[in-house]
Amino acid sequence: MLPSPAVDLTDASLFQAAPPHGFFAALRDKAPVHWTPEPAGGPGFWSVTRHRDVLTVSTDPQTVSSAAAVGGHRIFDEDTTDT
């Protein structure tokens, strides 16, 4: 069963008692790369939940990047001017 879209990964209370292992197991099985929209117009984020996919994302910046130059966003301000 795929986790309900009503589950909000931005809600800290989801993680207070314990990590939601069942939720992440379902994501790994049914939607290993999962988009989470943020409430109140936040930018949203991707959850990458399978180990091999995390390795790819972490080691292949030519294919997977959060750089503003390729349409991504980061927590910090990024200078996008050419130097």
Protein backbone atom coordinates (compact mmCIF):
# COMPACT_ATOMS: atom_id res chain seq x y z
CA MET A 1 0.00 0.00 0.00
CA LEU A 2 1.35 3.41 -0.96
CA PRO A 3 1.40 5.90 1.93
CA SER A 4 -1.44 8.36 1.99
CA PRO A 5 -0.70 11.70 0.34
CA ALA A 6 -2.16 13.17 3.52
CA VAL A 7 1.01 12.14 5.39
CA ASP A 8 3.05 15.30 5.65
CA LEU A 9 6.81 14.68 5.80
CA THR A 10 7.26 18.32 6.86
CA ASP A 11 5.33 17.60 10.09
CA ALA A 12 7.91 17.03 12.84
CA SER A 13 5.33 15.22 14.99
CA LEU A 14 5.43 12.34 12.48
CA PHE A 15 8.95 11.60 13.73
CA GLN A 16 8.59 12.35 17.47
CA ALA A 17 7.66 8.90 18.81
CA ALA A 18 9.87 6.96 16.40
CA PRO A 19 10.90 7.01 12.77
CA PRO A 20 7.91 6.04 10.57
CA HIS A 21 9.59 2.86 9.28
CA GLY A 22 6.42 1.45 7.72
CA PHE A 23 5.84 4.63 5.76
CA PHE A 24 9.37 4.65 4.36
CA ALA A 25 9.20 0.91 3.57
CA ALA A 26 6.07 1.57 1.51
CA LEU A 27 7.81 4.46 -0.26
CA ARG A 28 10.85 2.29 -1.07
CA ASP A 29 8.52 -0.37 -2.50
CA LYS A 30 5.97 1.76 -4.39
CA ALA A 31 7.45 5.24 -4.92
CA PRO A 32 11.20 5.20 -4.21
CA VAL A 33 11.59 8.76 -5.51
CA HIS A 34 8.69 10.66 -4.00
CA TRP A 35 7.66 14.34 -4.33
CA THR A 36 6.39 16.05 -1.16
CA PRO A 37 4.72 19.44 -1.61
CA GLU A 38 5.17 21.84 1.29
CA PRO A 39 2.25 23.56 2.95
CA ALA A 40 1.88 27.32 2.67
CA GLY A 41 3.51 27.52 -0.74
CA GLY A 42 6.93 26.15 0.18
CA PRO A 43 9.10 24.80 -2.63
CA GLY A 44 8.52 21.11 -1.81
CA PHE A 45 11.16 18.41 -1.91
CA TRP A 46 12.03 14.98 -3.23
CA SER A 47 12.54 11.99 -0.94
CA VAL A 48 14.94 9.39 -2.29
CA THR A 49 14.37 6.26 -0.20
CA ARG A 50 16.29 3.35 -1.76
CA HIS A 51 19.96 2.93 -0.91
CA ARG A 52 21.16 2.47 -4.49
CA ASP A 53 19.22 5.56 -5.58
CA VAL A 54 20.71 7.61 -2.73
CA LEU A 55 24.16 6.50 -3.89
CA THR A 56 23.38 7.62 -7.45
CA VAL A 57 22.02 10.99 -6.33
CA SER A 58 25.02 11.51 -4.05
CA THR A 59 27.67 10.59 -6.60
CA ASP A 60 26.35 11.74 -9.99
CA PRO A 61 25.97 15.55 -9.97
CA GLN A 62 26.01 15.67 -13.77
CA THR A 63 22.67 13.83 -13.83
CA VAL A 64 21.12 14.78 -10.48
CA SER A 65 21.62 18.30 -9.16
CA SER A 66 19.85 20.90 -7.04
CA ALA A 67 21.89 23.70 -8.62
CA ALA A 68 19.84 26.73 -9.60
CA ALA A 69 21.47 26.71 -13.03
CA VAL A 70 19.57 23.51 -13.85
CA GLY A 71 16.28 24.49 -12.22
CA GLY A 72 16.92 23.28 -8.69
CA HIS A 73 16.80 25.09 -5.39
CA ARG A 74 18.98 25.00 -2.31
CA ILE A 75 18.67 26.14 1.27
CA PHE A 76 21.40 28.76 0.78
CA ASP A 77 21.47 31.58 -1.76
CA GLU A 78 23.36 30.55 -4.86
CA ASP A 79 25.13 32.96 -7.17
CA THR A 80 23.86 32.15 -10.65
CA THR A 81 25.77 34.87 -12.50
CA ASP A 82 28.43 33.82 -14.93
CA THR A 83 31.93 34.80 -13.86
